[in-house]
């Protein structure tokens, strides 16, 4: 059984990517700012007791999760809505992945400390994974920022711990196993934040999870078979690069190269857009690339100029984002065969901004990119954004990134109980580091304290919200079945 452990602030996190020693308490206490931040956090317990983090109840005027999901879909590509519903219907956890908006609405009715961070907005455990750093190391971090915005740190943590509980229930694990995994996740966040509260800002900025180093440490006592499985997993991640993405997206050679037609996952532009729009697309693409190029760091702008356009397609990805305009653009080096695939993903309003009362600093793609750069320890050098003007309308905004760049994910549909608990702790450490980069880490750590009071409260919330998720999932499934019965083409 996982136990909530007492915090040792000068103990480095087992997931830390930095070997820099922690700063002793005696040294930190010379600085009044540290003490004030900690005491500020402790004082917040009077207004928002840690036990209140457990509170979940349906308010009388609650807008149903189904109504919010359907309202969110009105501006999306309607032909893809049945596919979105099909993916959501796969399990309660698959459904949970698409409920960032309903959960933000629910979280807005719960107690909060008022401590604001740059929040992911959709920090469930399916939105973490590995990717290549600019130094060509496989690192682990948050990897989805569609909903990023300023918001209460508790909202991210509650969604993350709830996702552990929902995943455990979807996998058929017992109540005790789900409880232990959720409790361990909450404790890991608290302990990590206590650790970061004792670190310098620059140290936090450089700290990251090196996947190879982490796996080496975890497999030190593993069997040869388990080590082979680790090596196989790393090899699979390294194989998910631009070359492989290009091969899956493009068929033919030389001048005969064309985008594959594999609906609904991949639909080339000439199969999706009207003929007139296809003819105008190269000009629109040039304008889009010009806007995207200007968002890159100056030293990276020349890099994108070394590639030529091959083709583009609409690509369906994920669960919650299905129906958003998501273009993939295949490029090739102008002098040598150097494949590159970029993803242009539509970005709208963050679900957090609807309920926090905090005015967004940026819109659309710029919001996503700036939030990602702030929360991630290291990122894609080709990450940028582009806005598309639309006459008489607000226009559309996209963020741009490499489609695959050593992408590594955990199969949460097949994860075992022990791995889920460990993975939840890793995600919690990562989220704490992301919050520590933008929020008052001393105040958050002071509020959470050294006991397991907050852990138990967050775990209780997660268990209650997992029940709510299953209730909402049944309502959603009834809607899907009803739509199918009326011949509207919904998933069954």
Protein backbone atom coordinates (compact mmCIF):
# COMPACT_ATOMS: atom_id res chain seq x y z
CA UNK A 1 0.00 0.00 0.00
CA UNK A 2 1.27 3.44 -0.89
CA UNK A 3 1.82 5.61 2.12
CA UNK A 4 1.93 9.39 2.37
CA UNK A 5 5.47 10.21 3.40
CA UNK A 6 6.68 13.05 5.59
CA UNK A 7 8.52 15.70 3.65
CA UNK A 8 12.26 16.17 3.92
CA UNK A 9 12.82 19.53 2.20
CA UNK A 10 16.54 18.99 1.70
CA UNK A 11 16.03 15.58 0.09
CA UNK A 12 16.43 15.79 -3.70
CA UNK A 13 13.48 14.43 -5.62
CA UNK A 14 14.11 10.96 -7.10
CA UNK A 15 12.96 12.40 -10.43
CA UNK A 16 15.23 15.45 -10.41
CA UNK A 17 17.38 15.89 -13.48
CA UNK A 18 19.84 18.17 -11.70
CA UNK A 19 22.64 17.10 -9.38
CA UNK A 20 22.83 20.53 -7.73
CA UNK A 21 22.67 20.13 -3.93
CA UNK A 22 19.74 21.64 -2.05
CA UNK A 23 20.21 24.73 0.10
CA UNK A 24 20.11 24.14 3.87
CA UNK A 25 17.22 25.66 5.82
CA UNK A 26 19.62 27.74 7.91
CA UNK A 27 20.83 29.50 4.80
CA UNK A 28 17.35 30.07 3.39
CA UNK A 29 16.04 31.53 6.61
CA UNK A 30 18.46 34.42 6.28
CA UNK A 31 16.19 35.66 3.53
CA UNK A 32 12.94 37.11 4.79
CA UNK A 33 11.21 36.45 1.45
CA UNK A 34 11.31 32.70 1.99
CA UNK A 35 9.82 32.93 5.47
CA UNK A 36 7.16 35.40 4.35
CA UNK A 37 6.13 33.19 1.43
CA UNK A 38 5.90 30.11 3.64
CA UNK A 39 3.94 31.98 6.31
CA UNK A 40 1.62 33.44 3.67
CA UNK A 41 0.82 29.91 2.51
CA UNK A 42 0.19 28.74 6.06
CA UNK A 43 -2.12 31.68 6.75
CA UNK A 44 -4.29 30.71 3.79
CA UNK A 45 -5.38 27.60 5.68
CA UNK A 46 -7.70 29.82 7.77
CA UNK A 47 -9.66 30.91 4.71
CA UNK A 48 -9.25 27.66 2.79
CA UNK A 49 -8.52 24.76 5.17
CA UNK A 50 -6.61 21.90 3.61
CA UNK A 51 -9.52 19.60 4.44
CA UNK A 52 -11.73 21.74 2.16
CA UNK A 53 -9.74 20.49 -0.84
CA UNK A 54 -11.76 17.29 -0.48
CA UNK A 55 -15.05 19.03 -1.06
CA UNK A 56 -17.06 18.03 -4.10
CA UNK A 57 -20.79 18.46 -4.47
CA UNK A 58 -23.02 19.19 -7.42
CA UNK A 59 -24.28 22.75 -7.16
CA UNK A 60 -28.02 23.21 -7.81
CA UNK A 61 -27.54 25.25 -11.00
CA UNK A 62 -24.73 23.09 -12.43
CA UNK A 63 -24.60 23.09 -16.23
CA UNK A 64 -24.42 19.45 -17.21
CA UNK A 65 -21.14 18.10 -18.56
CA UNK A 66 -22.99 16.95 -21.68
CA UNK A 67 -24.33 20.43 -22.41
CA UNK A 68 -20.85 21.91 -22.07
CA UNK A 69 -19.35 19.25 -24.34
CA UNK A 70 -21.99 19.85 -27.01
CA UNK A 71 -21.59 23.63 -26.78
CA UNK A 72 -17.84 23.23 -27.24
CA UNK A 73 -18.40 21.28 -30.45
CA UNK A 74 -20.47 23.90 -32.27
CA UNK A 75 -17.47 25.66 -33.78
CA UNK A 76 -15.68 22.46 -34.80
CA UNK A 77 -15.67 20.49 -38.03
CA UNK A 78 -19.04 18.79 -37.79
CA UNK A 79 -18.04 15.85 -39.98
CA UNK A 80 -15.57 14.80 -37.26
CA UNK A 81 -17.91 15.00 -34.27
CA UNK A 82 -19.03 11.34 -34.60
CA UNK A 83 -15.36 10.33 -34.53
CA UNK A 84 -14.82 12.45 -31.41
CA UNK A 85 -17.76 10.76 -29.70
CA UNK A 86 -16.55 7.33 -30.78
CA UNK A 87 -13.19 7.95 -29.13
CA UNK A 88 -14.76 9.41 -25.98
CA UNK A 89 -17.07 6.42 -25.67
CA UNK A 90 -14.16 3.94 -25.44
CA UNK A 91 -14.02 4.10 -21.61
CA UNK A 92 -14.66 6.43 -18.67
CA UNK A 93 -10.99 7.46 -18.84
CA UNK A 94 -11.20 8.21 -22.58
CA UNK A 95 -14.27 10.32 -21.81
CA UNK A 96 -12.42 12.07 -18.96
CA UNK A 97 -9.70 13.14 -21.39
CA UNK A 98 -12.26 15.29 -23.23
CA UNK A 99 -13.76 16.97 -20.15
CA UNK A 100 -11.36 19.82 -19.44
CA UNK A 101 -14.18 22.33 -19.92
CA UNK A 102 -16.81 20.61 -17.71
CA UNK A 103 -14.22 20.01 -15.00
CA UNK A 104 -13.07 23.64 -15.07
CA UNK A 105 -16.70 24.63 -14.56
CA UNK A 106 -16.96 22.22 -11.62
CA UNK A 107 -13.65 23.32 -10.09
CA UNK A 108 -14.80 26.93 -10.15
CA UNK A 109 -17.38 25.99 -7.48
CA UNK A 110 -14.76 24.52 -5.10
CA UNK A 111 -12.64 26.29 -2.44
CA UNK A 112 -9.34 27.81 -3.60
CA UNK A 113 -6.32 29.38 -1.94
CA UNK A 114 -6.17 32.10 -4.58
CA UNK A 115 -2.54 31.30 -5.43
CA UNK A 116 -2.19 31.65 -9.20
CA UNK A 117 0.25 29.84 -11.50
CA UNK A 118 0.60 29.29 -15.21
CA UNK A 119 -1.74 26.30 -15.26
CA UNK A 120 -1.95 23.55 -17.85
CA UNK A 121 -5.75 23.48 -17.67
CA UNK A 122 -5.84 19.82 -18.72
CA UNK A 123 -3.21 18.18 -16.52
CA UNK A 124 -4.43 14.59 -16.68
CA UNK A 125 -1.82 11.85 -16.79
CA UNK A 126 -2.42 11.20 -20.48
CA UNK A 127 -0.99 14.63 -21.25
CA UNK A 128 2.54 13.84 -20.09
CA UNK A 129 5.21 12.06 -22.09
CA UNK A 130 8.67 12.02 -23.59
CA UNK A 131 10.10 14.03 -26.47
CA UNK A 132 13.46 15.18 -27.79
CA UNK A 133 15.15 18.19 -26.25
CA UNK A 134 17.23 20.60 -28.36
CA UNK A 135 20.27 18.74 -26.99
CA UNK A 136 18.89 15.44 -28.42
CA UNK A 137 18.07 13.88 -25.07
CA UNK A 138 14.76 12.13 -24.40
CA UNK A 139 13.07 14.18 -21.67
CA UNK A 140 9.76 13.81 -19.83
CA UNK A 141 7.33 16.68 -19.37
CA UNK A 142 3.82 17.97 -19.91
CA UNK A 143 3.06 17.76 -23.62
CA UNK A 144 -0.41 19.27 -24.13
CA UNK A 145 -1.07 22.97 -23.60
CA UNK A 146 -4.31 23.60 -25.51
CA UNK A 147 -5.95 24.94 -22.33
CA UNK A 148 -2.97 26.65 -20.73
CA UNK A 149 -3.72 29.92 -18.90
CA UNK A 150 -3.26 31.57 -15.54
CA UNK A 151 -5.27 29.75 -12.90
CA UNK A 152 -5.31 28.25 -9.40
CA UNK A 153 -2.67 25.58 -8.83
CA UNK A 154 -5.30 23.39 -7.13
CA UNK A 155 -7.27 23.01 -10.35
CA UNK A 156 -4.35 21.37 -12.13
CA UNK A 157 -3.56 19.12 -9.17
CA UNK A 158 -7.16 18.05 -8.70
CA UNK A 159 -7.50 17.15 -12.38
CA UNK A 160 -4.23 15.20 -12.28
CA UNK A 161 -5.02 13.23 -9.11
CA UNK A 162 -8.55 12.61 -10.37
CA UNK A 163 -7.15 11.24 -13.63
CA UNK A 164 -5.16 8.66 -11.64
CA UNK A 165 -8.32 7.55 -9.85
CA UNK A 166 -10.33 7.46 -13.09
CA UNK A 167 -7.61 5.51 -14.90
CA UNK A 168 -7.39 2.98 -12.07
CA UNK A 169 -11.14 2.44 -12.13
CA UNK A 170 -11.19 2.14 -15.93
CA UNK A 171 -8.47 -0.51 -15.69
CA UNK A 172 -10.60 -2.48 -13.24
CA UNK A 173 -8.27 -2.05 -10.26
CA UNK A 174 -9.85 -2.31 -6.83
CA UNK A 175 -10.89 0.66 -4.72
CA UNK A 176 -7.87 0.24 -2.42
CA UNK A 177 -5.46 0.25 -5.38
CA UNK A 178 -7.08 3.35 -6.87
CA UNK A 179 -6.94 5.08 -3.47
CA UNK A 180 -3.27 4.28 -2.97
CA UNK A 181 -2.30 5.49 -6.45
CA UNK A 182 -4.22 8.76 -6.07
CA UNK A 183 -2.80 9.33 -2.57
CA UNK A 184 0.76 8.71 -3.79
CA UNK A 185 0.22 11.19 -6.64
CA UNK A 186 -1.00 13.91 -4.27
CA UNK A 187 1.86 13.26 -1.84
CA UNK A 188 4.42 13.42 -4.65
CA UNK A 189 3.18 16.88 -5.69
CA UNK A 190 3.40 18.16 -2.11
CA UNK A 191 6.86 16.75 -1.55
CA UNK A 192 8.13 18.03 -4.89
CA UNK A 193 6.81 21.53 -4.19
CA UNK A 194 8.52 21.47 -0.77
CA UNK A 195 11.75 20.54 -2.53
CA UNK A 196 11.40 23.31 -5.12
CA UNK A 197 10.57 25.86 -2.42
CA UNK A 198 14.13 25.33 -1.18
CA UNK A 199 15.74 25.70 -4.60
CA UNK A 200 16.92 28.78 -6.42
CA UNK A 201 14.89 30.04 -9.37
CA UNK A 202 17.67 29.30 -11.87
CA UNK A 203 18.09 25.77 -10.53
CA UNK A 204 14.37 25.12 -11.04
CA UNK A 205 14.58 26.55 -14.54
CA UNK A 206 17.26 24.04 -15.52
CA UNK A 207 15.81 20.99 -13.76
CA UNK A 208 14.23 18.37 -15.99
CA UNK A 209 13.59 14.63 -16.15
CA UNK A 210 16.08 12.80 -18.34
CA UNK A 211 14.23 9.63 -19.36
CA UNK A 212 17.29 7.49 -19.94
CA UNK A 213 18.76 8.43 -16.54
CA UNK A 214 15.43 7.84 -14.81
CA UNK A 215 14.95 4.43 -16.38
CA UNK A 216 18.53 3.45 -15.61
CA UNK A 217 17.91 4.30 -11.95
CA UNK A 218 14.57 2.50 -11.80
CA UNK A 219 15.91 -0.60 -13.57
CA UNK A 220 19.02 -0.94 -11.40
CA UNK A 221 17.37 -3.84 -9.55
CA UNK A 222 15.30 -5.05 -12.49
CA UNK A 223 15.65 -8.37 -14.24
CA UNK A 224 17.30 -8.76 -17.64
CA UNK A 225 13.87 -9.24 -19.19
CA UNK A 226 12.61 -5.99 -17.68
CA UNK A 227 15.71 -4.14 -18.88
CA UNK A 228 15.15 -5.45 -22.39
CA UNK A 229 11.60 -4.13 -22.23
CA UNK A 230 12.93 -0.72 -21.18
CA UNK A 231 15.44 -0.74 -24.05
CA UNK A 232 12.67 -1.74 -26.46
CA UNK A 233 10.50 1.13 -25.24
CA UNK A 234 13.30 3.64 -25.71
CA UNK A 235 14.03 2.32 -29.18
CA UNK A 236 10.36 2.76 -30.11
CA UNK A 237 10.45 6.35 -28.86
CA UNK A 238 13.60 7.20 -30.81
CA UNK A 239 11.97 5.74 -33.95
CA UNK A 240 9.08 8.21 -33.71
CA UNK A 241 10.83 11.03 -35.52
CA UNK A 242 10.20 13.26 -38.51
CA UNK A 243 11.39 10.60 -40.95
CA UNK A 244 8.81 8.11 -39.72
CA UNK A 245 6.08 10.75 -39.60
CA UNK A 246 6.93 11.72 -43.19
CA UNK A 247 6.77 8.07 -44.35
CA UNK A 248 3.35 7.61 -42.76
CA UNK A 249 2.06 10.82 -44.31
CA UNK A 250 3.60 10.82 -47.79
CA UNK A 251 3.64 8.18 -50.51
CA UNK A 252 5.46 8.11 -53.85
CA UNK A 253 8.85 9.49 -54.84
CA UNK A 254 10.18 12.76 -56.20
CA UNK A 255 7.66 14.83 -58.14
CA UNK A 256 5.05 12.08 -57.66
CA UNK A 257 4.97 12.40 -53.89
CA UNK A 258 1.51 12.95 -52.46
CA UNK A 259 -0.26 12.86 -49.11
CA UNK A 260 -1.87 9.52 -48.29
CA UNK A 261 -5.65 9.25 -48.04
CA UNK A 262 -6.52 7.43 -44.82
CA UNK A 263 -9.85 8.79 -43.54
CA UNK A 264 -10.78 9.90 -40.99
CA UNK A 265 -7.21 10.04 -39.61
CA UNK A 266 -5.59 11.71 -42.64
CA UNK A 267 -7.42 13.56 -45.42
CA UNK A 268 -5.32 15.43 -48.04
CA UNK A 269 -6.32 18.99 -48.85
CA UNK A 270 -7.56 18.12 -52.33
CA UNK A 271 -10.01 15.65 -50.74
CA UNK A 272 -11.14 18.08 -48.05
CA UNK A 273 -11.28 21.60 -49.50
CA UNK A 274 -13.36 22.82 -52.44
CA UNK A 275 -11.39 23.09 -55.69
CA UNK A 276 -11.15 26.88 -55.50
CA UNK A 277 -9.78 26.76 -51.97
CA UNK A 278 -7.19 24.14 -52.95
CA UNK A 279 -5.93 26.45 -55.70
CA UNK A 280 -5.67 29.35 -53.26
CA UNK A 281 -4.03 27.28 -50.53
CA UNK A 282 -0.36 27.75 -51.58
CA UNK A 283 -0.77 31.52 -51.24
CA UNK A 284 -2.54 31.14 -47.89
CA UNK A 285 0.14 28.72 -46.76
CA UNK A 286 2.86 31.22 -47.64
CA UNK A 287 1.09 33.85 -45.53
CA UNK A 288 0.67 31.35 -42.71
CA UNK A 289 4.34 30.40 -42.80
CA UNK A 290 5.37 34.04 -42.82
CA UNK A 291 3.34 34.67 -39.67
CA UNK A 292 4.68 31.48 -38.09
CA UNK A 293 8.27 32.34 -38.99
CA UNK A 294 8.04 35.70 -37.25
CA UNK A 295 7.01 33.98 -34.00
CA UNK A 296 10.20 31.89 -33.89
CA UNK A 297 13.34 32.93 -32.09
CA UNK A 298 15.51 34.95 -34.53
CA UNK A 299 18.21 32.27 -34.59
CA UNK A 300 15.66 29.62 -35.66
CA UNK A 301 13.96 31.53 -38.48
CA UNK A 302 16.62 30.58 -41.01
CA UNK A 303 16.14 26.93 -40.12
CA UNK A 304 12.58 26.77 -41.46
CA UNK A 305 13.70 28.52 -44.67
CA UNK A 306 15.79 25.46 -45.57
CA UNK A 307 12.65 23.39 -46.24
CA UNK A 308 10.27 23.24 -49.21
CA UNK A 309 6.56 22.39 -49.22
CA UNK A 310 5.51 18.85 -50.21
CA UNK A 311 1.87 18.59 -49.16
CA UNK A 312 -0.68 19.11 -46.41
CA UNK A 313 -3.60 17.25 -44.90
CA UNK A 314 -6.23 17.39 -42.19
CA UNK A 315 -5.20 14.98 -39.41
CA UNK A 316 -7.34 13.74 -36.53
CA UNK A 317 -5.42 13.47 -33.24
CA UNK A 318 -6.20 12.76 -29.60
CA UNK A 319 -9.66 12.64 -28.07
CA UNK A 320 -10.71 16.00 -26.68
CA UNK A 321 -9.30 17.98 -29.61
CA UNK A 322 -11.02 15.97 -32.36
CA UNK A 323 -12.96 18.35 -34.59
CA UNK A 324 -10.51 21.22 -34.15
CA UNK A 325 -8.72 22.23 -37.35
CA UNK A 326 -5.49 20.31 -37.22
CA UNK A 327 -3.27 20.49 -40.29
CA UNK A 328 -0.09 18.56 -40.89
CA UNK A 329 2.36 19.97 -43.43
CA UNK A 330 5.03 17.76 -44.99
CA UNK A 331 8.30 19.52 -45.89
CA UNK A 332 11.58 18.35 -47.32
CA UNK A 333 15.08 19.82 -47.31
CA UNK A 334 15.86 21.99 -50.31
CA UNK A 335 19.26 20.38 -50.91
CA UNK A 336 19.09 16.88 -49.41
CA UNK A 337 16.35 14.41 -48.45
CA UNK A 338 15.62 15.91 -45.05
CA UNK A 339 11.99 15.24 -44.06
CA UNK A 340 10.11 17.44 -41.63
CA UNK A 341 6.45 17.31 -40.62
CA UNK A 342 4.88 20.28 -38.84
CA UNK A 343 1.53 20.30 -37.10
CA UNK A 344 -0.64 23.43 -37.30
CA UNK A 345 -3.22 22.97 -34.55
CA UNK A 346 -6.10 25.35 -34.00
CA UNK A 347 -6.16 27.14 -30.66
CA UNK A 348 -9.20 28.83 -29.21
CA UNK A 349 -10.09 30.18 -25.79
CA UNK A 350 -8.75 28.33 -22.75
CA UNK A 351 -11.42 26.59 -20.69
CA UNK A 352 -9.76 28.08 -17.61
CA UNK A 353 -10.28 31.66 -18.73
CA UNK A 354 -14.05 31.17 -18.75
CA UNK A 355 -14.11 30.52 -15.02
CA UNK A 356 -11.09 32.10 -13.34
CA UNK A 357 -12.08 35.71 -13.95
CA UNK A 358 -8.50 36.37 -15.08
CA UNK A 359 -8.18 38.21 -18.39
CA UNK A 360 -6.03 36.27 -20.87
CA UNK A 361 -2.69 37.87 -21.66
CA UNK A 362 -2.58 36.43 -25.17
CA UNK A 363 -5.02 34.85 -27.59
CA UNK A 364 -5.03 31.56 -29.43
CA UNK A 365 -1.77 30.11 -30.59
CA UNK A 366 0.37 32.73 -28.89
CA UNK A 367 -1.29 31.85 -25.56
CA UNK A 368 -0.46 28.16 -26.05
CA UNK A 369 3.14 28.75 -27.12
CA UNK A 370 3.99 31.25 -24.39
CA UNK A 371 2.37 29.02 -21.77
CA UNK A 372 4.25 25.98 -23.04
CA UNK A 373 7.57 27.81 -23.03
CA UNK A 374 6.94 28.86 -19.43
CA UNK A 375 5.85 25.46 -18.11
CA UNK A 376 8.15 23.08 -20.00
CA UNK A 377 11.75 22.68 -18.90
CA UNK A 378 12.96 22.42 -22.49
CA UNK A 379 11.07 22.58 -25.74
CA UNK A 380 10.80 22.30 -29.50
CA UNK A 381 12.98 24.84 -31.32
CA UNK A 382 10.32 25.02 -34.05
CA UNK A 383 7.47 25.83 -31.65
CA UNK A 384 5.59 28.91 -32.81
CA UNK A 385 2.19 30.32 -33.71
CA UNK A 386 0.33 31.93 -36.60
CA UNK A 387 -2.93 33.86 -36.82
CA UNK A 388 -5.12 33.66 -39.91
CA UNK A 389 -7.28 36.72 -40.61
CA UNK A 390 -10.86 36.05 -41.70
CA UNK A 391 -12.81 38.98 -43.20
CA UNK A 392 -15.65 40.03 -40.90
CA UNK A 393 -14.66 37.51 -38.21
CA UNK A 394 -12.10 37.18 -35.39
CA UNK A 395 -10.01 34.86 -37.53
CA UNK A 396 -8.34 31.63 -36.55
CA UNK A 397 -5.21 31.05 -34.55
CA UNK A 398 -2.84 28.10 -34.68
CA UNK A 399 0.18 26.90 -32.80
CA UNK A 400 2.88 25.04 -34.66
CA UNK A 401 5.20 22.24 -33.58
CA UNK A 402 6.95 19.18 -34.96
CA UNK A 403 4.47 16.33 -35.30
CA UNK A 404 6.74 13.61 -33.93
CA UNK A 405 10.06 14.23 -32.28
CA UNK A 406 11.03 11.10 -30.34
CA UNK A 407 7.50 10.86 -28.99
CA UNK A 408 7.25 8.49 -26.03
CA UNK A 409 3.99 7.67 -24.26
CA UNK A 410 2.75 5.22 -21.65
CA UNK A 411 -0.09 2.91 -22.72
CA UNK A 412 -2.61 3.84 -20.04
CA UNK A 413 -5.11 1.33 -21.43
CA UNK A 414 -2.73 -1.50 -20.50
CA UNK A 415 -0.85 -0.06 -17.51
CA UNK A 416 -0.54 -2.23 -14.38
CA UNK A 417 -1.27 -1.02 -10.87
CA UNK A 418 2.34 -0.61 -9.71
CA UNK A 419 3.34 1.29 -12.85
CA UNK A 420 0.29 3.55 -12.57
CA UNK A 421 1.27 4.55 -9.03
CA UNK A 422 4.86 5.29 -10.06
CA UNK A 423 3.74 7.11 -13.20
CA UNK A 424 1.33 9.26 -11.21
CA UNK A 425 4.19 10.29 -8.92
CA UNK A 426 6.37 11.18 -11.90
CA UNK A 427 3.59 13.31 -13.41
CA UNK A 428 3.05 15.00 -10.03
CA UNK A 429 6.73 15.89 -9.70
CA UNK A 430 6.70 17.28 -13.23
CA UNK A 431 3.59 19.37 -12.61
CA UNK A 432 5.05 20.77 -9.39
CA UNK A 433 8.19 21.83 -11.23
CA UNK A 434 6.07 23.52 -13.92
CA UNK A 435 4.07 25.40 -11.28
CA UNK A 436 7.23 26.37 -9.40
CA UNK A 437 8.50 28.15 -12.51
CA UNK A 438 5.64 30.66 -12.51
CA UNK A 439 3.90 30.60 -9.13
CA UNK A 440 4.82 31.37 -5.54
CA UNK A 441 6.41 28.02 -4.73
CA UNK A 442 7.12 28.99 -1.13
CA UNK A 443 3.49 29.93 -0.46
CA UNK A 444 2.15 26.75 -2.11
CA UNK A 445 4.59 24.61 -0.14
CA UNK A 446 3.73 26.48 3.06
CA UNK A 447 0.03 25.89 2.50
CA UNK A 448 0.50 22.17 1.79
CA UNK A 449 2.78 21.71 4.80
CA UNK A 450 4.62 18.58 5.86
CA UNK A 451 1.74 16.38 7.01
CA UNK A 452 -0.49 14.30 4.74
CA UNK A 453 -3.57 16.48 5.39
CA UNK A 454 -3.64 17.91 1.88
CA UNK A 455 -2.79 14.52 0.34
CA UNK A 456 -5.79 12.89 1.97
CA UNK A 457 -8.09 15.73 0.98
CA UNK A 458 -6.98 15.72 -2.65
CA UNK A 459 -7.34 11.94 -2.76
CA UNK A 460 -10.88 12.17 -1.35
CA UNK A 461 -11.77 14.76 -4.00
CA UNK A 462 -10.33 12.53 -6.73
CA UNK A 463 -12.37 9.54 -5.58
CA UNK A 464 -15.56 11.60 -5.44
CA UNK A 465 -14.91 13.16 -8.83
CA UNK A 466 -14.17 9.74 -10.35
CA UNK A 467 -17.71 8.81 -9.31
CA UNK A 468 -19.01 12.01 -10.89
CA UNK A 469 -17.09 11.25 -14.07
CA UNK A 470 -18.76 7.86 -14.34
CA UNK A 471 -22.20 9.42 -13.85
CA UNK A 472 -21.46 11.99 -16.56
CA UNK A 473 -20.06 9.24 -18.80
CA UNK A 474 -23.33 7.28 -18.56
CA UNK A 475 -25.29 10.41 -19.54
CA UNK A 476 -22.95 10.90 -22.48
CA UNK A 477 -23.34 7.28 -23.57
CA UNK A 478 -27.14 7.61 -23.42
CA UNK A 479 -26.84 10.65 -25.68
CA UNK A 480 -24.62 8.77 -28.13
CA UNK A 481 -27.01 5.83 -28.22
CA UNK A 482 -29.98 8.14 -28.71
CA UNK A 483 -28.28 10.02 -31.54
CA UNK A 484 -27.42 6.73 -33.23
CA UNK A 485 -31.03 5.62 -32.90
CA UNK A 486 -32.23 8.72 -34.71
CA UNK A 487 -29.78 8.12 -37.55
CA UNK A 488 -27.53 11.11 -36.84
CA UNK A 489 -24.42 9.01 -37.26
CA UNK A 490 -23.16 9.08 -33.68
CA UNK A 491 -20.86 6.37 -32.36
CA UNK A 492 -22.36 3.36 -30.71
